[in-house]
Amino acid sequence: MGGAHAHHGHGHSHDHGFGHATRAFAIATLLNLAYTAIEAWYGFSTNSLALLSDALHNLGDVAGLALAWAAAALARRAPTTRHTYGWRRATLLSPLANALLLVGFAGALVGESVQRFSAPPQIPAKPVMIVATIGIAVNLLAAALMHRGQEHDLNRRAAFLHLMADAAVSFAAVLAGLGMATVGWEWLDPATAVLVSAVVGVSAFGLLRESFNAAMDAVPRGIERTDVEAYLHGLDGVAAVHHVHIWSIGAGEIAMTAHLVRPLNDDHDAFLDRVTHDLDHRFGINHPTLQVEHGPGCEHDLHDRAPHH
C-alpha cells in the first residue's frame, strides 16, 4: 500500500492571492467607513432620519467587510503543528456570517417598508439623492476591487454581493427621491425598498446555501464527484476506487482523498505524478492525497458496503 500528496511542477504558493485580497478588503472597508461618516454627518445636518438610519445600516456593512478582511488576513497565517492547513477555512466561515447579515438586512428592510406604506414619512428628496449618488459610486468602486477572483473565492463573492446590494439600494433611493421630488409620490420610497430587498434576499439565500455547504465540507461548486470517480476508474491498472472525498480548504484550494486499488505498481511514482497533475488541471483539485492498495479491496471498504441498521 502507498500514498502520495504531490504538487509536482505546479508552483503552488501558500499565499494563494490572499495578499491582494487583504489589500482589496482594506480599501473597500475604509471607503465604506468614510462614506458612512459622510452620510451620518449629512443626516444630522439635514435632520433626516432616513439618512441616519441608512448610515446605521452602512455601519453594519462596514462590520461585514471588516469580517471578510479579517478572514483574508487570517488565511495568510502559516500552518502550525495544531492548525496544519493554517487558517484558510476562515475564508469559508466569513461568507456564512455575511450571508446571514444580508438575509437579516433584507428581512428588516421589508418590515420597515411595509410599515411605511400606510404612513409614508416626509423625506428630503434632494439630500437623499445626493448622498445616495455618492453611495453608488463608493459601492461600485469597492465592488470592482472584489470582482477579481470572486468566482473562486467565496469570501470575496460574499463581499461583492454585499457591495452590489448596497449600490442597488442607493440607486433605488435616487429613483425614489427623483419620483418624490417631481410628482410627490411618497410611496416610491417603501416600494423601491421592497423591490431591492427581494433581489438582495434571493442573492443572499444562494450565498447562504453555498457558504453553508462549504462549511460542511460539501463537494465544491463546479466539480462533479462522479466525473472525478470516472476519471480515476479509467486510469491504467486501477481495478477499484473507493473513499473518494472532495472538499474546499479555503479560497482557491480544493482537497481530495481517494483509495485506488492497483495490483501493478512498477510505475508507482510516475503514476502518482500524472494523476496529481491531471486532477489539478482537469478539476482544480490541487491538494490530492491518494492511497494505492495492491489487493482486491480493503476492510474499510467492505465495512462501508455492509448494510446499516
C-alpha atoms as a PDB file:
ATOM      1  CA  MET A   1       0.000   0.000   0.000  1.00  0.00           C
ATOM      2  CA  GLY A   2       1.252   3.501  -0.711  1.00  0.00           C
ATOM      3  CA  GLY A   3       0.230   7.130  -0.594  1.00  0.00           C
ATOM      4  CA  ALA A   4       1.020  10.411  -2.292  1.00  0.00           C
ATOM      5  CA  HIS A   5       0.409  14.085  -1.791  1.00  0.00           C
ATOM      6  CA  ALA A   6       2.292  15.789  -4.590  1.00  0.00           C
ATOM      7  CA  HIS A   7       2.356  19.291  -6.043  1.00  0.00           C
ATOM      8  CA  HIS A   8       4.873  18.375  -8.741  1.00  0.00           C
ATOM      9  CA  GLY A   9       5.596  21.195 -11.139  1.00  0.00           C
ATOM     10  CA  HIS A  10       2.562  23.272 -10.199  1.00  0.00           C
ATOM     11  CA  GLY A  11       4.409  26.015  -8.363  1.00  0.00           C
ATOM     12  CA  HIS A  12       1.807  26.279  -5.628  1.00  0.00           C
ATOM     13  CA  SER A  13       2.268  29.153  -3.233  1.00  0.00           C
ATOM     14  CA  HIS A  14       0.677  29.160   0.193  1.00  0.00           C
ATOM     15  CA  ASP A  15      -0.318  32.787  -0.291  1.00  0.00           C
ATOM     16  CA  HIS A  16      -2.900  31.905  -2.999  1.00  0.00           C
ATOM     17  CA  GLY A  17      -3.587  35.584  -3.704  1.00  0.00           C
ATOM     18  CA  PHE A  18      -4.510  36.356  -0.098  1.00  0.00           C
ATOM     19  CA  GLY A  19      -2.109  39.324  -0.065  1.00  0.00           C
ATOM     20  CA  HIS A  20      -4.013  41.049  -2.885  1.00  0.00           C
ATOM     21  CA  ALA A  21      -7.329  40.092  -1.249  1.00  0.00           C
ATOM     22  CA  THR A  22      -6.285  41.639   2.062  1.00  0.00           C
ATOM     23  CA  ARG A  23      -5.424  44.940   0.375  1.00  0.00           C
ATOM     24  CA  ALA A  24      -8.708  44.942  -1.562  1.00  0.00           C
ATOM     25  CA  PHE A  25     -10.735  44.285   1.599  1.00  0.00           C
ATOM     26  CA  ALA A  26      -8.838  47.012   3.456  1.00  0.00           C
ATOM     27  CA  ILE A  27      -9.563  49.617   0.762  1.00  0.00           C
ATOM     28  CA  ALA A  28     -13.230  48.586   0.452  1.00  0.00           C
ATOM     29  CA  THR A  29     -13.733  48.691   4.235  1.00  0.00           C
ATOM     30  CA  LEU A  30     -12.120  52.112   4.641  1.00  0.00           C
ATOM     31  CA  LEU A  31     -14.050  53.534   1.661  1.00  0.00           C
ATOM     32  CA  ASN A  32     -17.355  52.405   3.152  1.00  0.00           C
ATOM     33  CA  LEU A  33     -16.387  53.661   6.599  1.00  0.00           C
ATOM     34  CA  ALA A  34     -15.654  57.107   5.130  1.00  0.00           C
ATOM     35  CA  TYR A  35     -18.984  57.093   3.251  1.00  0.00           C
ATOM     36  CA  THR A  36     -20.842  56.084   6.425  1.00  0.00           C
ATOM     37  CA  ALA A  37     -19.299  59.041   8.279  1.00  0.00           C
ATOM     38  CA  ILE A  38     -20.311  61.434   5.451  1.00  0.00           C
ATOM     39  CA  GLU A  39     -23.859  60.074   5.390  1.00  0.00           C
ATOM     40  CA  ALA A  40     -24.212  60.341   9.170  1.00  0.00           C
ATOM     41  CA  TRP A  41     -22.935  63.952   9.098  1.00  0.00           C
ATOM     42  CA  TYR A  42     -25.352  64.790   6.265  1.00  0.00           C
ATOM     43  CA  GLY A  43     -28.201  63.164   8.205  1.00  0.00           C
ATOM     44  CA  PHE A  44     -27.503  65.196  11.335  1.00  0.00           C
ATOM     45  CA  SER A  45     -27.115  68.448   9.383  1.00  0.00           C
ATOM     46  CA  THR A  46     -30.409  67.979   7.484  1.00  0.00           C
ATOM     47  CA  ASN A  47     -32.232  66.325  10.399  1.00  0.00           C
ATOM     48  CA  SER A  48     -33.031  63.402   8.077  1.00  0.00           C
ATOM     49  CA  LEU A  49     -33.968  60.226   9.926  1.00  0.00           C
ATOM     50  CA  ALA A  50     -33.828  58.325   6.616  1.00  0.00           C
ATOM     51  CA  LEU A  51     -30.168  59.200   6.094  1.00  0.00           C
ATOM     52  CA  LEU A  52     -29.273  58.465   9.723  1.00  0.00           C
ATOM     53  CA  SER A  53     -30.943  55.036   9.620  1.00  0.00           C
ATOM     54  CA  ASP A  54     -29.172  54.222   6.340  1.00  0.00           C
ATOM     55  CA  ALA A  55     -25.876  55.314   7.903  1.00  0.00           C
ATOM     56  CA  LEU A  56     -26.535  52.854  10.724  1.00  0.00           C
ATOM     57  CA  HIS A  57     -27.202  50.124   8.139  1.00  0.00           C
ATOM     58  CA  ASN A  58     -23.968  51.016   6.338  1.00  0.00           C
ATOM     59  CA  LEU A  59     -22.109  50.725   9.629  1.00  0.00           C
ATOM     60  CA  GLY A  60     -23.298  47.110   9.710  1.00  0.00           C
ATOM     61  CA  ASP A  61     -21.967  46.677   6.177  1.00  0.00           C
ATOM     62  CA  VAL A  62     -18.597  48.016   7.307  1.00  0.00           C
ATOM     63  CA  ALA A  63     -18.627  45.372  10.043  1.00  0.00           C
ATOM     64  CA  GLY A  64     -19.314  42.688   7.422  1.00  0.00           C
ATOM     65  CA  LEU A  65     -16.464  43.930   5.220  1.00  0.00           C
ATOM     66  CA  ALA A  66     -14.169  44.089   8.237  1.00  0.00           C
ATOM     67  CA  LEU A  67     -15.061  40.472   8.982  1.00  0.00           C
ATOM     68  CA  ALA A  68     -14.142  39.464   5.425  1.00  0.00           C
ATOM     69  CA  TRP A  69     -10.919  41.498   5.716  1.00  0.00           C
ATOM     70  CA  ALA A  70     -10.029  39.696   8.942  1.00  0.00           C
ATOM     71  CA  ALA A  71     -10.721  36.318   7.306  1.00  0.00           C
ATOM     72  CA  ALA A  72      -8.425  37.159   4.358  1.00  0.00           C
ATOM     73  CA  ALA A  73      -5.717  38.230   6.817  1.00  0.00           C
ATOM     74  CA  LEU A  74      -6.094  35.057   8.906  1.00  0.00           C
ATOM     75  CA  ALA A  75      -5.850  32.935   5.746  1.00  0.00           C
ATOM     76  CA  ARG A  76      -2.289  34.211   5.258  1.00  0.00           C
ATOM     77  CA  ARG A  77      -1.103  32.704   8.539  1.00  0.00           C
ATOM     78  CA  ALA A  78       1.352  29.855   8.074  1.00  0.00           C
ATOM     79  CA  PRO A  79       0.331  26.296   9.047  1.00  0.00           C
ATOM     80  CA  THR A  80       1.291  25.108  12.525  1.00  0.00           C
ATOM     81  CA  THR A  81       1.534  21.721  14.214  1.00  0.00           C
ATOM     82  CA  ARG A  82      -2.009  22.240  15.503  1.00  0.00           C
ATOM     83  CA  HIS A  83      -3.547  24.045  12.500  1.00  0.00           C
ATOM     84  CA  THR A  84      -1.922  22.021   9.734  1.00  0.00           C
ATOM     85  CA  TYR A  85      -3.818  23.848   6.963  1.00  0.00           C
ATOM     86  CA  GLY A  86      -3.299  27.224   8.607  1.00  0.00           C
ATOM     87  CA  TRP A  87      -6.371  29.441   8.992  1.00  0.00           C
ATOM     88  CA  ARG A  88      -7.608  29.229   5.402  1.00  0.00           C
ATOM     89  CA  ARG A  89     -11.041  27.983   6.426  1.00  0.00           C
ATOM     90  CA  ALA A  90     -11.716  31.467   7.788  1.00  0.00           C
ATOM     91  CA  THR A  91     -12.458  32.452   4.167  1.00  0.00           C
ATOM     92  CA  LEU A  92     -15.315  29.899   4.220  1.00  0.00           C
ATOM     93  CA  LEU A  93     -16.778  30.898   7.605  1.00  0.00           C
ATOM     94  CA  SER A  94     -16.786  34.650   6.907  1.00  0.00           C
ATOM     95  CA  PRO A  95     -19.152  34.335   3.873  1.00  0.00           C
ATOM     96  CA  LEU A  96     -21.578  32.361   6.045  1.00  0.00           C
ATOM     97  CA  ALA A  97     -21.725  35.243   8.542  1.00  0.00           C
ATOM     98  CA  ASN A  98     -22.040  37.792   5.734  1.00  0.00           C
ATOM     99  CA  ALA A  99     -24.845  35.800   4.106  1.00  0.00           C
ATOM    100  CA  LEU A 100     -26.747  35.793   7.407  1.00  0.00           C
ATOM    101  CA  LEU A 101     -26.238  39.568   7.655  1.00  0.00           C
ATOM    102  CA  LEU A 102     -27.635  40.031   4.126  1.00  0.00           C
ATOM    103  CA  VAL A 103     -30.670  37.846   4.830  1.00  0.00           C
ATOM    104  CA  GLY A 104     -31.330  39.778   8.047  1.00  0.00           C
ATOM    105  CA  PHE A 105     -30.913  43.089   6.247  1.00  0.00           C
ATOM    106  CA  ALA A 106     -33.380  42.081   3.517  1.00  0.00           C
ATOM    107  CA  GLY A 107     -35.961  40.976   6.092  1.00  0.00           C
ATOM    108  CA  ALA A 108     -35.592  44.146   8.164  1.00  0.00           C
ATOM    109  CA  LEU A 109     -35.899  46.293   5.035  1.00  0.00           C
ATOM    110  CA  VAL A 110     -39.161  44.574   4.044  1.00  0.00           C
ATOM    111  CA  GLY A 111     -40.567  45.007   7.557  1.00  0.00           C
ATOM    112  CA  GLU A 112     -39.739  48.717   7.631  1.00  0.00           C
ATOM    113  CA  SER A 113     -41.123  49.219   4.108  1.00  0.00           C
ATOM    114  CA  VAL A 114     -44.468  47.588   4.942  1.00  0.00           C
ATOM    115  CA  GLN A 115     -44.903  49.980   7.889  1.00  0.00           C
ATOM    116  CA  ARG A 116     -44.099  52.986   5.705  1.00  0.00           C
ATOM    117  CA  PHE A 117     -46.720  52.110   3.083  1.00  0.00           C
ATOM    118  CA  SER A 118     -49.516  53.036   5.494  1.00  0.00           C
ATOM    119  CA  ALA A 119     -47.884  56.296   6.615  1.00  0.00           C
ATOM    120  CA  PRO A 120     -45.031  57.378   4.299  1.00  0.00           C
ATOM    121  CA  PRO A 121     -42.777  59.842   6.132  1.00  0.00           C
ATOM    122  CA  GLN A 122     -41.742  63.185   4.686  1.00  0.00           C
ATOM    123  CA  ILE A 123     -38.255  62.623   3.293  1.00  0.00           C
ATOM    124  CA  PRO A 124     -35.996  65.439   1.999  1.00  0.00           C
ATOM    125  CA  ALA A 125     -35.611  64.245  -1.589  1.00  0.00           C
ATOM    126  CA  LYS A 126     -32.594  66.317  -2.641  1.00  0.00           C
ATOM    127  CA  PRO A 127     -30.219  65.375   0.223  1.00  0.00           C
ATOM    128  CA  VAL A 128     -31.232  61.721  -0.149  1.00  0.00           C
ATOM    129  CA  MET A 129     -30.443  61.797  -3.883  1.00  0.00           C
ATOM    130  CA  ILE A 130     -27.059  63.488  -3.365  1.00  0.00           C
ATOM    131  CA  VAL A 131     -25.900  61.124  -0.651  1.00  0.00           C
ATOM    132  CA  ALA A 132     -27.294  58.062  -2.472  1.00  0.00           C
ATOM    133  CA  THR A 133     -25.400  59.040  -5.634  1.00  0.00           C
ATOM    134  CA  ILE A 134     -22.180  59.174  -3.619  1.00  0.00           C
ATOM    135  CA  GLY A 135     -23.119  55.784  -2.201  1.00  0.00           C
ATOM    136  CA  ILE A 136     -23.498  54.291  -5.689  1.00  0.00           C
ATOM    137  CA  ALA A 137     -20.012  55.474  -6.661  1.00  0.00           C
ATOM    138  CA  VAL A 138     -18.395  54.246  -3.433  1.00  0.00           C
ATOM    139  CA  ASN A 139     -20.056  50.826  -3.512  1.00  0.00           C
ATOM    140  CA  LEU A 140     -19.375  50.216  -7.218  1.00  0.00           C
ATOM    141  CA  LEU A 141     -15.726  51.186  -6.747  1.00  0.00           C
ATOM    142  CA  ALA A 142     -15.387  48.847  -3.780  1.00  0.00           C
ATOM    143  CA  ALA A 143     -17.255  46.076  -5.666  1.00  0.00           C
ATOM    144  CA  ALA A 144     -14.805  46.437  -8.571  1.00  0.00           C
ATOM    145  CA  LEU A 145     -11.987  45.670  -6.118  1.00  0.00           C
ATOM    146  CA  MET A 146     -13.803  42.498  -5.050  1.00  0.00           C
ATOM    147  CA  HIS A 147     -14.683  41.335  -8.579  1.00  0.00           C
ATOM    148  CA  ARG A 148     -11.278  39.876  -9.405  1.00  0.00           C
ATOM    149  CA  GLY A 149     -11.128  36.247  -8.321  1.00  0.00           C
ATOM    150  CA  GLN A 150     -14.573  36.234  -6.712  1.00  0.00           C
ATOM    151  CA  GLU A 151     -15.694  33.281  -8.865  1.00  0.00           C
ATOM    152  CA  HIS A 152     -13.157  31.108  -6.979  1.00  0.00           C
ATOM    153  CA  ASP A 153     -13.224  32.882  -3.602  1.00  0.00           C
ATOM    154  CA  LEU A 154     -16.421  32.620  -1.563  1.00  0.00           C
ATOM    155  CA  ASN A 155     -15.199  35.297   0.849  1.00  0.00           C
ATOM    156  CA  ARG A 156     -14.780  37.805  -1.991  1.00  0.00           C
ATOM    157  CA  ARG A 157     -18.087  36.783  -3.564  1.00  0.00           C
ATOM    158  CA  ALA A 158     -19.885  37.497  -0.283  1.00  0.00           C
ATOM    159  CA  ALA A 159     -18.298  40.959  -0.074  1.00  0.00           C
ATOM    160  CA  PHE A 160     -19.009  41.580  -3.782  1.00  0.00           C
ATOM    161  CA  LEU A 161     -22.708  40.721  -3.387  1.00  0.00           C
ATOM    162  CA  HIS A 162     -22.896  42.841  -0.234  1.00  0.00           C
ATOM    163  CA  LEU A 163     -21.462  45.880  -2.044  1.00  0.00           C
ATOM    164  CA  MET A 164     -23.620  45.398  -5.148  1.00  0.00           C
ATOM    165  CA  ALA A 165     -26.681  45.115  -2.895  1.00  0.00           C
ATOM    166  CA  ASP A 166     -25.742  48.427  -1.259  1.00  0.00           C
ATOM    167  CA  ALA A 167     -25.252  50.024  -4.681  1.00  0.00           C
ATOM    168  CA  ALA A 168     -28.719  48.768  -5.674  1.00  0.00           C
ATOM    169  CA  VAL A 169     -30.239  50.241  -2.510  1.00  0.00           C
ATOM    170  CA  SER A 170     -28.561  53.590  -3.231  1.00  0.00           C
ATOM    171  CA  PHE A 171     -29.770  53.528  -6.853  1.00  0.00           C
ATOM    172  CA  ALA A 172     -33.305  52.787  -5.684  1.00  0.00           C
ATOM    173  CA  ALA A 173     -33.030  55.730  -3.275  1.00  0.00           C
ATOM    174  CA  VAL A 174     -32.054  58.036  -6.157  1.00  0.00           C
ATOM    175  CA  LEU A 175     -35.053  56.882  -8.210  1.00  0.00           C
ATOM    176  CA  ALA A 176     -37.376  57.226  -5.226  1.00  0.00           C
ATOM    177  CA  GLY A 177     -36.023  60.699  -4.449  1.00  0.00           C
ATOM    178  CA  LEU A 178     -36.477  61.738  -8.074  1.00  0.00           C
ATOM    179  CA  GLY A 179     -40.071  60.499  -8.078  1.00  0.00           C
ATOM    180  CA  MET A 180     -40.869  62.195  -4.779  1.00  0.00           C
ATOM    181  CA  ALA A 181     -39.322  65.480  -5.932  1.00  0.00           C
ATOM    182  CA  THR A 182     -41.109  65.565  -9.294  1.00  0.00           C
ATOM    183  CA  VAL A 183     -44.549  64.026  -8.703  1.00  0.00           C
ATOM    184  CA  GLY A 184     -44.721  63.814  -4.905  1.00  0.00           C
ATOM    185  CA  TRP A 185     -45.155  60.023  -4.763  1.00  0.00           C
ATOM    186  CA  GLU A 186     -44.053  59.302  -1.199  1.00  0.00           C
ATOM    187  CA  TRP A 187     -44.905  55.609  -1.611  1.00  0.00           C
ATOM    188  CA  LEU A 188     -41.966  55.222  -4.005  1.00  0.00           C
ATOM    189  CA  ASP A 189     -39.550  55.067  -1.069  1.00  0.00           C
ATOM    190  CA  PRO A 190     -41.021  51.892   0.526  1.00  0.00           C
ATOM    191  CA  ALA A 191     -41.891  50.392  -2.886  1.00  0.00           C
ATOM    192  CA  THR A 192     -38.328  50.541  -4.166  1.00  0.00           C
ATOM    193  CA  ALA A 193     -37.086  49.245  -0.822  1.00  0.00           C
ATOM    194  CA  VAL A 194     -39.305  46.144  -1.139  1.00  0.00           C
ATOM    195  CA  LEU A 195     -38.058  45.517  -4.694  1.00  0.00           C
ATOM    196  CA  VAL A 196     -34.409  45.855  -3.693  1.00  0.00           C
ATOM    197  CA  SER A 197     -34.831  43.680  -0.594  1.00  0.00           C
ATOM    198  CA  ALA A 198     -36.338  40.920  -2.771  1.00  0.00           C
ATOM    199  CA  VAL A 199     -33.308  40.976  -5.091  1.00  0.00           C
ATOM    200  CA  VAL A 200     -30.903  41.077  -2.138  1.00  0.00           C
ATOM    201  CA  GLY A 201     -32.777  38.252  -0.413  1.00  0.00           C
ATOM    202  CA  VAL A 202     -32.540  35.939  -3.445  1.00  0.00           C
ATOM    203  CA  SER A 203     -28.800  36.599  -3.851  1.00  0.00           C
ATOM    204  CA  ALA A 204     -28.207  36.220  -0.122  1.00  0.00           C
ATOM    205  CA  PHE A 205     -30.066  32.899   0.009  1.00  0.00           C
ATOM    206  CA  GLY A 206     -27.874  31.493  -2.777  1.00  0.00           C
ATOM    207  CA  LEU A 207     -24.747  32.675  -0.966  1.00  0.00           C
ATOM    208  CA  LEU A 208     -26.038  31.282   2.340  1.00  0.00           C
ATOM    209  CA  ARG A 209     -26.632  27.859   0.803  1.00  0.00           C
ATOM    210  CA  GLU A 210     -23.206  27.776  -0.863  1.00  0.00           C
ATOM    211  CA  SER A 211     -21.299  29.017   2.186  1.00  0.00           C
ATOM    212  CA  PHE A 212     -23.144  26.537   4.432  1.00  0.00           C
ATOM    213  CA  ASN A 213     -22.239  23.701   2.056  1.00  0.00           C
ATOM    214  CA  ALA A 214     -18.592  24.816   2.067  1.00  0.00           C
ATOM    215  CA  ALA A 215     -18.547  24.943   5.869  1.00  0.00           C
ATOM    216  CA  MET A 216     -19.993  21.397   5.903  1.00  0.00           C
ATOM    217  CA  ASP A 217     -17.237  20.100   3.552  1.00  0.00           C
ATOM    218  CA  ALA A 218     -19.556  19.585   0.581  1.00  0.00           C
ATOM    219  CA  VAL A 219     -18.061  18.987  -2.868  1.00  0.00           C
ATOM    220  CA  PRO A 220     -17.216  22.480  -4.213  1.00  0.00           C
ATOM    221  CA  ARG A 221     -19.381  24.080  -6.868  1.00  0.00           C
ATOM    222  CA  GLY A 222     -18.195  23.270 -10.392  1.00  0.00           C
ATOM    223  CA  ILE A 223     -16.879  19.793  -9.526  1.00  0.00           C
ATOM    224  CA  GLU A 224     -18.896  16.627 -10.084  1.00  0.00           C
ATOM    225  CA  ARG A 225     -17.776  13.805  -7.820  1.00  0.00           C
ATOM    226  CA  THR A 226     -18.976  11.232 -10.360  1.00  0.00           C
ATOM    227  CA  ASP A 227     -16.727  12.788 -13.041  1.00  0.00           C
ATOM    228  CA  VAL A 228     -13.696  12.563 -10.749  1.00  0.00           C
ATOM    229  CA  GLU A 229     -14.516   8.942  -9.899  1.00  0.00           C
ATOM    230  CA  ALA A 230     -14.958   8.105 -13.585  1.00  0.00           C
ATOM    231  CA  TYR A 231     -11.530   9.598 -14.331  1.00  0.00           C
ATOM    232  CA  LEU A 232      -9.930   7.582 -11.515  1.00  0.00           C
ATOM    233  CA  HIS A 233     -11.676   4.365 -12.629  1.00  0.00           C
ATOM    234  CA  GLY A 234     -10.332   4.884 -16.157  1.00  0.00           C
ATOM    235  CA  LEU A 235      -6.676   5.072 -15.120  1.00  0.00           C
ATOM    236  CA  ASP A 236      -4.326   2.321 -16.280  1.00  0.00           C
ATOM    237  CA  GLY A 237      -4.234  -0.616 -13.883  1.00  0.00           C
ATOM    238  CA  VAL A 238      -6.893   0.734 -11.492  1.00  0.00           C
ATOM    239  CA  ALA A 239      -9.249  -2.087 -10.537  1.00  0.00           C
ATOM    240  CA  ALA A 240     -11.394  -0.212  -7.999  1.00  0.00           C
ATOM    241  CA  VAL A 241     -11.856   3.206  -6.436  1.00  0.00           C
ATOM    242  CA  HIS A 242     -13.310   3.990  -3.027  1.00  0.00           C
ATOM    243  CA  HIS A 243     -13.256   6.505  -0.161  1.00  0.00           C
ATOM    244  CA  VAL A 244     -13.390   9.482  -2.543  1.00  0.00           C
ATOM    245  CA  HIS A 245     -13.860  12.728  -0.607  1.00  0.00           C
ATOM    246  CA  ILE A 246     -13.620  16.235  -2.096  1.00  0.00           C
ATOM    247  CA  TRP A 247     -13.865  19.460  -0.128  1.00  0.00           C
ATOM    248  CA  SER A 248     -12.695  23.061  -0.039  1.00  0.00           C
ATOM    249  CA  ILE A 249      -9.886  24.085   2.311  1.00  0.00           C
ATOM    250  CA  GLY A 250     -10.213  27.788   1.555  1.00  0.00           C
ATOM    251  CA  ALA A 251     -10.235  30.251  -1.312  1.00  0.00           C
ATOM    252  CA  GLY A 252      -8.897  28.559  -4.455  1.00  0.00           C
ATOM    253  CA  GLU A 253      -7.815  25.398  -2.615  1.00  0.00           C
ATOM    254  CA  ILE A 254      -9.582  22.073  -3.075  1.00  0.00           C
ATOM    255  CA  ALA A 255      -8.550  18.885  -1.302  1.00  0.00           C
ATOM    256  CA  MET A 256      -9.343  15.268  -2.137  1.00  0.00           C
ATOM    257  CA  THR A 257      -8.618  11.847  -0.681  1.00  0.00           C
ATOM    258  CA  ALA A 258      -9.114   8.566  -2.516  1.00  0.00           C
ATOM    259  CA  HIS A 259      -8.138   4.905  -2.288  1.00  0.00           C
ATOM    260  CA  LEU A 260      -7.087   3.283  -5.565  1.00  0.00           C
ATOM    261  CA  VAL A 261      -6.847  -0.488  -5.895  1.00  0.00           C
ATOM    262  CA  ARG A 262      -3.981  -1.071  -8.348  1.00  0.00           C
ATOM    263  CA  PRO A 263      -2.306  -4.513  -8.328  1.00  0.00           C
ATOM    264  CA  LEU A 264       0.583  -3.407 -10.586  1.00  0.00           C
ATOM    265  CA  ASN A 265       2.928  -0.794  -9.155  1.00  0.00           C
ATOM    266  CA  ASP A 266       6.029  -0.890 -11.343  1.00  0.00           C
ATOM    267  CA  ASP A 267       5.454   2.769 -12.362  1.00  0.00           C
ATOM    268  CA  HIS A 268       4.279   3.917  -8.940  1.00  0.00           C
ATOM    269  CA  ASP A 269       5.911   7.386  -8.770  1.00  0.00           C
ATOM    270  CA  ALA A 270       5.236   8.290 -12.410  1.00  0.00           C
ATOM    271  CA  PHE A 271       1.599   7.175 -11.987  1.00  0.00           C
ATOM    272  CA  LEU A 272       1.056   9.358  -8.923  1.00  0.00           C
ATOM    273  CA  ASP A 273       2.738  12.377 -10.573  1.00  0.00           C
ATOM    274  CA  ARG A 274       0.493  12.048 -13.630  1.00  0.00           C
ATOM    275  CA  VAL A 275      -2.695  11.682 -11.573  1.00  0.00           C
ATOM    276  CA  THR A 276      -1.987  14.666  -9.284  1.00  0.00           C
ATOM    277  CA  HIS A 277      -1.185  16.783 -12.365  1.00  0.00           C
ATOM    278  CA  ASP A 278      -4.422  15.760 -14.112  1.00  0.00           C
ATOM    279  CA  LEU A 279      -6.580  16.295 -11.016  1.00  0.00           C
ATOM    280  CA  ASP A 280      -5.294  19.862 -10.775  1.00  0.00           C
ATOM    281  CA  HIS A 281      -5.644  20.750 -14.446  1.00  0.00           C
ATOM    282  CA  ARG A 282      -8.918  18.910 -15.132  1.00  0.00           C
ATOM    283  CA  PHE A 283     -10.837  19.574 -11.930  1.00  0.00           C
ATOM    284  CA  GLY A 284      -8.899  22.236  -9.992  1.00  0.00           C
ATOM    285  CA  ILE A 285      -8.149  19.764  -7.191  1.00  0.00           C
ATOM    286  CA  ASN A 286      -4.754  20.983  -6.006  1.00  0.00           C
ATOM    287  CA  HIS A 287      -4.424  19.108  -2.691  1.00  0.00           C
ATOM    288  CA  PRO A 288      -4.988  15.419  -3.599  1.00  0.00           C
ATOM    289  CA  THR A 289      -3.959  12.600  -1.280  1.00  0.00           C
ATOM    290  CA  LEU A 290      -4.020   9.198  -2.969  1.00  0.00           C
ATOM    291  CA  GLN A 291      -3.671   5.853  -1.230  1.00  0.00           C
ATOM    292  CA  VAL A 292      -2.739   2.985  -3.538  1.00  0.00           C
ATOM    293  CA  GLU A 293      -3.685  -0.565  -2.494  1.00  0.00           C
ATOM    294  CA  HIS A 294      -2.456  -3.729  -4.184  1.00  0.00           C
ATOM    295  CA  GLY A 295      -5.104  -6.185  -3.021  1.00  0.00           C
ATOM    296  CA  PRO A 296      -8.747  -6.677  -4.149  1.00  0.00           C
ATOM    297  CA  GLY A 297     -10.033  -4.152  -1.621  1.00  0.00           C
ATOM    298  CA  CYS A 298      -9.694  -3.022   1.964  1.00  0.00           C
ATOM    299  CA  GLU A 299     -11.554  -3.880   5.150  1.00  0.00           C
ATOM    300  CA  HIS A 300     -12.833  -0.292   5.456  1.00  0.00           C
ATOM    301  CA  ASP A 301     -14.455  -0.574   2.041  1.00  0.00           C
ATOM    302  CA  LEU A 302     -16.122  -3.874   2.967  1.00  0.00           C
ATOM    303  CA  HIS A 303     -17.390  -2.307   6.179  1.00  0.00           C
ATOM    304  CA  ASP A 304     -18.808   0.666   4.252  1.00  0.00           C
ATOM    305  CA  ARG A 305     -20.685  -1.679   1.939  1.00  0.00           C
ATOM    306  CA  ALA A 306     -22.316  -3.592   4.800  1.00  0.00           C
ATOM    307  CA  PRO A 307     -25.970  -2.665   5.392  1.00  0.00           C
ATOM    308  CA  HIS A 308     -26.519  -0.147   8.183  1.00  0.00           C
ATOM    309  CA  HIS A 309     -29.239  -0.854  10.748  1.00  0.00           C
END
